[in-house]
Structures are given as structure tokens and as C-alpha cells.
Amino acid sequence: MSVDQEMRGEVLEQQLGRVADQLTRKFADRADQVEVHDAVFREASRYLGARVTQYIPVLVQHTVQETLRQRGPRPQ
């Protein structure tokens, strides 16, 4: 793995972490932090072989957001 690929991997991981944090705040009534984090990184794993990684955080955010939006609020 080249240094450039490592840098892109680290940057992507940071971006995905931010996506998970945003979705955790937005959907706190539907899922806990661990569930959201797992969903974000599970969805991102679909793009492991992608040569272009620039849009992965946006794609992941939209997919996970739709999944969470379809869920009802958690029982209190």
C-alpha cells in the first residue's frame, strides 16, 4: 500500500467518523451511537475496491440516513 493510499484511507475513515457522528445526533431517537457507527462502516465496506473514494462518505450518508429514516423511534 502506498503512502498516498494510506493517507486516503485515513482521511476516508475520518470522514466516515464525522458522518456517523452527524447521523447519531440526527437520529438519536432511532438508533444509538454504536448502531449508527456500525451501519456507516458496514455500508462503506461495499466500496472497498473503489478507485475513486471522494464520494463514498456522501453515498454512505444517504444510504444509512434512508435506513434510519424508515425506522420508527426507539421505545422509551
PDB file of N, CA and C in Angstrom:
ATOM      1  N   MET A   1       0.858  -1.177   0.000  1.00  0.00           N
ATOM      2  CA  MET A   1       0.000   0.000   0.000  1.00  0.00           C
ATOM      3  C   MET A   1       0.899   1.234   0.000  1.00  0.00           C
ATOM      4  N   SER A   2       0.612   2.157  -0.889  1.00  0.00           N
ATOM      5  CA  SER A   2       1.428   3.364  -0.978  1.00  0.00           C
ATOM      6  C   SER A   2       1.046   4.349   0.129  1.00  0.00           C
ATOM      7  N   VAL A   3       1.926   5.305   0.361  1.00  0.00           N
ATOM      8  CA  VAL A   3       1.665   6.342   1.357  1.00  0.00           C
ATOM      9  C   VAL A   3       0.404   7.109   0.972  1.00  0.00           C
ATOM     10  N   ASP A   4       0.236   7.375  -0.341  1.00  0.00           N
ATOM     11  CA  ASP A   4      -0.947   8.084  -0.817  1.00  0.00           C
ATOM     12  C   ASP A   4      -2.220   7.306  -0.491  1.00  0.00           C
ATOM     13  N   GLN A   5      -2.188   5.997  -0.686  1.00  0.00           N
ATOM     14  CA  GLN A   5      -3.357   5.168  -0.380  1.00  0.00           C
ATOM     15  C   GLN A   5      -3.636   5.157   1.124  1.00  0.00           C
ATOM     16  N   GLU A   6      -2.587   5.111   1.921  1.00  0.00           N
ATOM     17  CA  GLU A   6      -2.761   5.147   3.374  1.00  0.00           C
ATOM     18  C   GLU A   6      -3.388   6.455   3.804  1.00  0.00           C
ATOM     19  N   MET A   7      -2.902   7.572   3.232  1.00  0.00           N
ATOM     20  CA  MET A   7      -3.441   8.889   3.556  1.00  0.00           C
ATOM     21  C   MET A   7      -4.919   8.955   3.183  1.00  0.00           C
ATOM     22  N   ARG A   8      -5.249   8.464   1.987  1.00  0.00           N
ATOM     23  CA  ARG A   8      -6.649   8.483   1.558  1.00  0.00           C
ATOM     24  C   ARG A   8      -7.493   7.628   2.487  1.00  0.00           C
ATOM     25  N   GLY A   9      -6.947   6.490   2.910  1.00  0.00           N
ATOM     26  CA  GLY A   9      -7.672   5.617   3.831  1.00  0.00           C
ATOM     27  C   GLY A   9      -7.937   6.290   5.163  1.00  0.00           C
ATOM     28  N   GLU A  10      -6.931   6.987   5.686  1.00  0.00           N
ATOM     29  CA  GLU A  10      -7.092   7.695   6.959  1.00  0.00           C
ATOM     30  C   GLU A  10      -8.097   8.832   6.828  1.00  0.00           C
ATOM     31  N   VAL A  11      -8.006   9.576   5.743  1.00  0.00           N
ATOM     32  CA  VAL A  11      -8.930  10.688   5.516  1.00  0.00           C
ATOM     33  C   VAL A  11     -10.351  10.158   5.373  1.00  0.00           C
ATOM     34  N   LEU A  12     -10.507   9.100   4.620  1.00  0.00           N
ATOM     35  CA  LEU A  12     -11.829   8.500   4.433  1.00  0.00           C
ATOM     36  C   LEU A  12     -12.396   8.031   5.765  1.00  0.00           C
ATOM     37  N   GLU A  13     -11.568   7.405   6.576  1.00  0.00           N
ATOM     38  CA  GLU A  13     -12.025   6.928   7.886  1.00  0.00           C
ATOM     39  C   GLU A  13     -12.477   8.093   8.764  1.00  0.00           C
ATOM     40  N   GLN A  14     -11.750   9.201   8.730  1.00  0.00           N
ATOM     41  CA  GLN A  14     -12.141  10.395   9.490  1.00  0.00           C
ATOM     42  C   GLN A  14     -13.471  10.944   8.978  1.00  0.00           C
ATOM     43  N   GLN A  15     -13.613  10.999   7.659  1.00  0.00           N
ATOM     44  CA  GLN A  15     -14.857  11.498   7.073  1.00  0.00           C
ATOM     45  C   GLN A  15     -16.031  10.605   7.454  1.00  0.00           C
ATOM     46  N   LEU A  16     -15.840   9.313   7.415  1.00  0.00           N
ATOM     47  CA  LEU A  16     -16.901   8.382   7.798  1.00  0.00           C
ATOM     48  C   LEU A  16     -17.241   8.517   9.282  1.00  0.00           C
ATOM     49  N   GLY A  17     -16.248   8.775  10.094  1.00  0.00           N
ATOM     50  CA  GLY A  17     -16.488   9.028  11.519  1.00  0.00           C
ATOM     51  C   GLY A  17     -17.359  10.260  11.715  1.00  0.00           C
ATOM     52  N   ARG A  18     -17.105  11.302  10.937  1.00  0.00           N
ATOM     53  CA  ARG A  18     -17.926  12.513  11.018  1.00  0.00           C
ATOM     54  C   ARG A  18     -19.360  12.230  10.554  1.00  0.00           C
ATOM     55  N   VAL A  19     -19.489  11.436   9.498  1.00  0.00           N
ATOM     56  CA  VAL A  19     -20.824  11.049   9.021  1.00  0.00           C
ATOM     57  C   VAL A  19     -21.565  10.307  10.135  1.00  0.00           C
ATOM     58  N   ALA A  20     -20.892   9.367  10.776  1.00  0.00           N
ATOM     59  CA  ALA A  20     -21.514   8.604  11.867  1.00  0.00           C
ATOM     60  C   ALA A  20     -21.935   9.529  13.008  1.00  0.00           C
ATOM     61  N   ASP A  21     -21.088  10.492  13.350  1.00  0.00           N
ATOM     62  CA  ASP A  21     -21.425  11.446  14.422  1.00  0.00           C
ATOM     63  C   ASP A  21     -22.649  12.276  14.060  1.00  0.00           C
ATOM     64  N   GLN A  22     -22.698  12.761  12.825  1.00  0.00           N
ATOM     65  CA  GLN A  22     -23.840  13.573  12.380  1.00  0.00           C
ATOM     66  C   GLN A  22     -25.130  12.766  12.418  1.00  0.00           C
ATOM     67  N   LEU A  23     -25.061  11.537  11.902  1.00  0.00           N
ATOM     68  CA  LEU A  23     -26.257  10.710  11.865  1.00  0.00           C
ATOM     69  C   LEU A  23     -26.685  10.284  13.269  1.00  0.00           C
ATOM     70  N   THR A  24     -25.721  10.096  14.158  1.00  0.00           N
ATOM     71  CA  THR A  24     -26.050   9.755  15.554  1.00  0.00           C
ATOM     72  C   THR A  24     -26.841  10.883  16.192  1.00  0.00           C
ATOM     73  N   ARG A  25     -26.401  12.112  15.970  1.00  0.00           N
ATOM     74  CA  ARG A  25     -27.128  13.258  16.534  1.00  0.00           C
ATOM     75  C   ARG A  25     -28.512  13.397  15.891  1.00  0.00           C
ATOM     76  N   LYS A  26     -28.563  13.264  14.587  1.00  0.00           N
ATOM     77  CA  LYS A  26     -29.815  13.468  13.849  1.00  0.00           C
ATOM     78  C   LYS A  26     -30.859  12.396  14.173  1.00  0.00           C
ATOM     79  N   PHE A  27     -30.416  11.168  14.378  1.00  0.00           N
ATOM     80  CA  PHE A  27     -31.339  10.058  14.592  1.00  0.00           C
ATOM     81  C   PHE A  27     -31.196   9.439  15.977  1.00  0.00           C
ATOM     82  N   ALA A  28     -30.906  10.257  16.972  1.00  0.00           N
ATOM     83  CA  ALA A  28     -30.721   9.771  18.345  1.00  0.00           C
ATOM     84  C   ALA A  28     -31.968   9.077  18.871  1.00  0.00           C
ATOM     85  N   ASP A  29     -33.135   9.432  18.329  1.00  0.00           N
ATOM     86  CA  ASP A  29     -34.373   8.808  18.782  1.00  0.00           C
ATOM     87  C   ASP A  29     -34.614   7.447  18.126  1.00  0.00           C
ATOM     88  N   ARG A  30     -33.763   7.076  17.154  1.00  0.00           N
ATOM     89  CA  ARG A  30     -33.985   5.835  16.407  1.00  0.00           C
ATOM     90  C   ARG A  30     -32.876   4.801  16.566  1.00  0.00           C
ATOM     91  N   ALA A  31     -31.674   5.249  16.888  1.00  0.00           N
ATOM     92  CA  ALA A  31     -30.542   4.311  16.998  1.00  0.00           C
ATOM     93  C   ALA A  31     -29.487   4.899  17.922  1.00  0.00           C
ATOM     94  N   ASP A  32     -28.737   4.012  18.570  1.00  0.00           N
ATOM     95  CA  ASP A  32     -27.657   4.506  19.426  1.00  0.00           C
ATOM     96  C   ASP A  32     -26.375   4.672  18.606  1.00  0.00           C
ATOM     97  N   GLN A  33     -25.385   5.238  19.235  1.00  0.00           N
ATOM     98  CA  GLN A  33     -24.125   5.568  18.560  1.00  0.00           C
ATOM     99  C   GLN A  33     -23.459   4.341  17.948  1.00  0.00           C
ATOM    100  N   VAL A  34     -23.449   3.240  18.653  1.00  0.00           N
ATOM    101  CA  VAL A  34     -22.801   2.021  18.167  1.00  0.00           C
ATOM    102  C   VAL A  34     -23.512   1.495  16.923  1.00  0.00           C
ATOM    103  N   GLU A  35     -24.843   1.490  16.954  1.00  0.00           N
ATOM    104  CA  GLU A  35     -25.613   1.027  15.789  1.00  0.00           C
ATOM    105  C   GLU A  35     -25.315   1.868  14.553  1.00  0.00           C
ATOM    106  N   VAL A  36     -25.301   3.185  14.736  1.00  0.00           N
ATOM    107  CA  VAL A  36     -25.061   4.087  13.606  1.00  0.00           C
ATOM    108  C   VAL A  36     -23.642   3.906  13.082  1.00  0.00           C
ATOM    109  N   HIS A  37     -22.677   3.861  13.973  1.00  0.00           N
ATOM    110  CA  HIS A  37     -21.274   3.678  13.578  1.00  0.00           C
ATOM    111  C   HIS A  37     -21.113   2.377  12.799  1.00  0.00           C
ATOM    112  N   ASP A  38     -21.692   1.311  13.307  1.00  0.00           N
ATOM    113  CA  ASP A  38     -21.606   0.015  12.621  1.00  0.00           C
ATOM    114  C   ASP A  38     -22.256   0.076  11.243  1.00  0.00           C
ATOM    115  N   ALA A  39     -23.412   0.716  11.156  1.00  0.00           N
ATOM    116  CA  ALA A  39     -24.115   0.828   9.872  1.00  0.00           C
ATOM    117  C   ALA A  39     -23.293   1.622   8.864  1.00  0.00           C
ATOM    118  N   VAL A  40     -22.676   2.705   9.311  1.00  0.00           N
ATOM    119  CA  VAL A  40     -21.862   3.539   8.414  1.00  0.00           C
ATOM    120  C   VAL A  40     -20.669   2.747   7.887  1.00  0.00           C
ATOM    121  N   PHE A  41     -19.940   2.093   8.750  1.00  0.00           N
ATOM    122  CA  PHE A  41     -18.742   1.387   8.301  1.00  0.00           C
ATOM    123  C   PHE A  41     -19.075   0.092   7.549  1.00  0.00           C
ATOM    124  N   ARG A  42     -20.214  -0.515   7.865  1.00  0.00           N
ATOM    125  CA  ARG A  42     -20.658  -1.685   7.096  1.00  0.00           C
ATOM    126  C   ARG A  42     -21.016  -1.257   5.668  1.00  0.00           C
ATOM    127  N   GLU A  43     -21.732  -0.144   5.543  1.00  0.00           N
ATOM    128  CA  GLU A  43     -22.091   0.361   4.214  1.00  0.00           C
ATOM    129  C   GLU A  43     -20.834   0.786   3.446  1.00  0.00           C
ATOM    130  N   ALA A  44     -19.897   1.414   4.120  1.00  0.00           N
ATOM    131  CA  ALA A  44     -18.658   1.856   3.467  1.00  0.00           C
ATOM    132  C   ALA A  44     -17.844   0.668   2.955  1.00  0.00           C
ATOM    133  N   SER A  45     -17.961  -0.476   3.623  1.00  0.00           N
ATOM    134  CA  SER A  45     -17.185  -1.645   3.203  1.00  0.00           C
ATOM    135  C   SER A  45     -17.596  -2.127   1.812  1.00  0.00           C
ATOM    136  N   ARG A  46     -18.777  -1.750   1.356  1.00  0.00           N
ATOM    137  CA  ARG A  46     -19.212  -2.099  -0.002  1.00  0.00           C
ATOM    138  C   ARG A  46     -18.320  -1.448  -1.061  1.00  0.00           C
ATOM    139  N   TYR A  47     -17.622  -0.396  -0.675  1.00  0.00           N
ATOM    140  CA  TYR A  47     -16.812   0.372  -1.620  1.00  0.00           C
ATOM    141  C   TYR A  47     -15.314   0.119  -1.447  1.00  0.00           C
ATOM    142  N   LEU A  48     -14.936  -0.971  -0.799  1.00  0.00           N
ATOM    143  CA  LEU A  48     -13.525  -1.248  -0.521  1.00  0.00           C
ATOM    144  C   LEU A  48     -12.639  -1.217  -1.760  1.00  0.00           C
ATOM    145  N   GLY A  49     -13.100  -1.710  -2.864  1.00  0.00           N
ATOM    146  CA  GLY A  49     -12.276  -1.760  -4.066  1.00  0.00           C
ATOM    147  C   GLY A  49     -12.383  -0.531  -4.948  1.00  0.00           C
ATOM    148  N   ALA A  50     -13.093   0.479  -4.487  1.00  0.00           N
ATOM    149  CA  ALA A  50     -13.316   1.672  -5.316  1.00  0.00           C
ATOM    150  C   ALA A  50     -12.011   2.418  -5.565  1.00  0.00           C
ATOM    151  N   ARG A  51     -11.812   2.796  -6.808  1.00  0.00           N
ATOM    152  CA  ARG A  51     -10.622   3.591  -7.135  1.00  0.00           C
ATOM    153  C   ARG A  51     -10.850   5.057  -6.816  1.00  0.00           C
ATOM    154  N   VAL A  52     -12.080   5.509  -6.958  1.00  0.00           N
ATOM    155  CA  VAL A  52     -12.436   6.888  -6.607  1.00  0.00           C
ATOM    156  C   VAL A  52     -13.164   6.827  -5.271  1.00  0.00           C
ATOM    157  N   THR A  53     -12.580   7.464  -4.270  1.00  0.00           N
ATOM    158  CA  THR A  53     -13.151   7.390  -2.928  1.00  0.00           C
ATOM    159  C   THR A  53     -13.804   8.695  -2.475  1.00  0.00           C
ATOM    160  N   GLN A  54     -13.696   9.700  -3.290  1.00  0.00           N
ATOM    161  CA  GLN A  54     -14.159  11.040  -2.933  1.00  0.00           C
ATOM    162  C   GLN A  54     -15.634  11.081  -2.531  1.00  0.00           C
ATOM    163  N   TYR A  55     -16.466  10.284  -3.184  1.00  0.00           N
ATOM    164  CA  TYR A  55     -17.908  10.360  -2.953  1.00  0.00           C
ATOM    165  C   TYR A  55     -18.438   9.320  -1.977  1.00  0.00           C
ATOM    166  N   ILE A  56     -17.585   8.476  -1.478  1.00  0.00           N
ATOM    167  CA  ILE A  56     -18.031   7.411  -0.580  1.00  0.00           C
ATOM    168  C   ILE A  56     -18.759   7.961   0.652  1.00  0.00           C
ATOM    169  N   PRO A  57     -18.233   8.982   1.343  1.00  0.00           N
ATOM    170  CA  PRO A  57     -18.964   9.473   2.526  1.00  0.00           C
ATOM    171  C   PRO A  57     -20.391   9.941   2.206  1.00  0.00           C
ATOM    172  N   VAL A  58     -20.568  10.593   1.079  1.00  0.00           N
ATOM    173  CA  VAL A  58     -21.904  11.076   0.702  1.00  0.00           C
ATOM    174  C   VAL A  58     -22.828   9.902   0.389  1.00  0.00           C
ATOM    175  N   LEU A  59     -22.323   8.928  -0.359  1.00  0.00           N
ATOM    176  CA  LEU A  59     -23.128   7.755  -0.691  1.00  0.00           C
ATOM    177  C   LEU A  59     -23.535   6.994   0.566  1.00  0.00           C
ATOM    178  N   VAL A  60     -22.573   6.817   1.462  1.00  0.00           N
ATOM    179  CA  VAL A  60     -22.833   6.113   2.713  1.00  0.00           C
ATOM    180  C   VAL A  60     -23.847   6.888   3.556  1.00  0.00           C
ATOM    181  N   GLN A  61     -23.663   8.194   3.653  1.00  0.00           N
ATOM    182  CA  GLN A  61     -24.575   9.011   4.446  1.00  0.00           C
ATOM    183  C   GLN A  61     -26.012   8.880   3.944  1.00  0.00           C
ATOM    184  N   HIS A  62     -26.197   8.977   2.654  1.00  0.00           N
ATOM    185  CA  HIS A  62     -27.548   8.890   2.098  1.00  0.00           C
ATOM    186  C   HIS A  62     -28.179   7.521   2.356  1.00  0.00           C
ATOM    187  N   THR A  63     -27.419   6.462   2.159  1.00  0.00           N
ATOM    188  CA  THR A  63     -27.960   5.119   2.352  1.00  0.00           C
ATOM    189  C   THR A  63     -28.333   4.864   3.807  1.00  0.00           C
ATOM    190  N   VAL A  64     -27.426   5.172   4.722  1.00  0.00           N
ATOM    191  CA  VAL A  64     -27.683   4.929   6.142  1.00  0.00           C
ATOM    192  C   VAL A  64     -28.800   5.849   6.639  1.00  0.00           C
ATOM    193  N   GLN A  65     -28.803   7.077   6.180  1.00  0.00           N
ATOM    194  CA  GLN A  65     -29.846   8.025   6.570  1.00  0.00           C
ATOM    195  C   GLN A  65     -31.220   7.508   6.161  1.00  0.00           C
ATOM    196  N   GLU A  66     -31.335   6.996   4.954  1.00  0.00           N
ATOM    197  CA  GLU A  66     -32.618   6.454   4.494  1.00  0.00           C
ATOM    198  C   GLU A  66     -33.055   5.262   5.341  1.00  0.00           C
ATOM    199  N   THR A  67     -32.110   4.406   5.678  1.00  0.00           N
ATOM    200  CA  THR A  67     -32.411   3.255   6.520  1.00  0.00           C
ATOM    201  C   THR A  67     -32.932   3.706   7.888  1.00  0.00           C
ATOM    202  N   LEU A  68     -32.256   4.683   8.468  1.00  0.00           N
ATOM    203  CA  LEU A  68     -32.661   5.183   9.791  1.00  0.00           C
ATOM    204  C   LEU A  68     -33.985   5.938   9.713  1.00  0.00           C
ATOM    205  N   ARG A  69     -34.184   6.670   8.650  1.00  0.00           N
ATOM    206  CA  ARG A  69     -35.419   7.430   8.472  1.00  0.00           C
ATOM    207  C   ARG A  69     -36.637   6.491   8.410  1.00  0.00           C
ATOM    208  N   GLN A  70     -36.451   5.312   7.837  1.00  0.00           N
ATOM    209  CA  GLN A  70     -37.545   4.361   7.709  1.00  0.00           C
ATOM    210  C   GLN A  70     -37.879   3.660   9.018  1.00  0.00           C
ATOM    211  N   ARG A  71     -36.947   3.703   9.944  1.00  0.00           N
ATOM    212  CA  ARG A  71     -37.183   3.123  11.263  1.00  0.00           C
ATOM    213  C   ARG A  71     -38.092   4.050  12.062  1.00  0.00           C
ATOM    214  N   GLY A  72     -38.835   3.458  12.919  1.00  0.00           N
ATOM    215  CA  GLY A  72     -39.590   4.278  13.857  1.00  0.00           C
ATOM    216  C   GLY A  72     -38.713   4.633  15.054  1.00  0.00           C
ATOM    217  N   PRO A  73     -39.163   5.580  15.848  1.00  0.00           N
ATOM    218  CA  PRO A  73     -38.414   5.920  17.069  1.00  0.00           C
ATOM    219  C   PRO A  73     -38.289   4.705  17.986  1.00  0.00           C
ATOM    220  N   ARG A  74     -37.189   4.667  18.738  1.00  0.00           N
ATOM    221  CA  ARG A  74     -36.990   3.576  19.700  1.00  0.00           C
ATOM    222  C   ARG A  74     -37.989   3.740  20.840  1.00  0.00           C
ATOM    223  N   PRO A  75     -38.431   2.629  21.407  1.00  0.00           N
ATOM    224  CA  PRO A  75     -39.307   2.740  22.595  1.00  0.00           C
ATOM    225  C   PRO A  75     -38.544   3.395  23.735  1.00  0.00           C
ATOM    226  N   GLN A  76     -39.205   4.242  24.464  1.00  0.00           N
ATOM    227  CA  GLN A  76     -38.564   4.971  25.573  1.00  0.00           C
ATOM    228  C   GLN A  76     -38.544   4.146  26.815  1.00  0.00           C
TER     229      GLN A  76
END
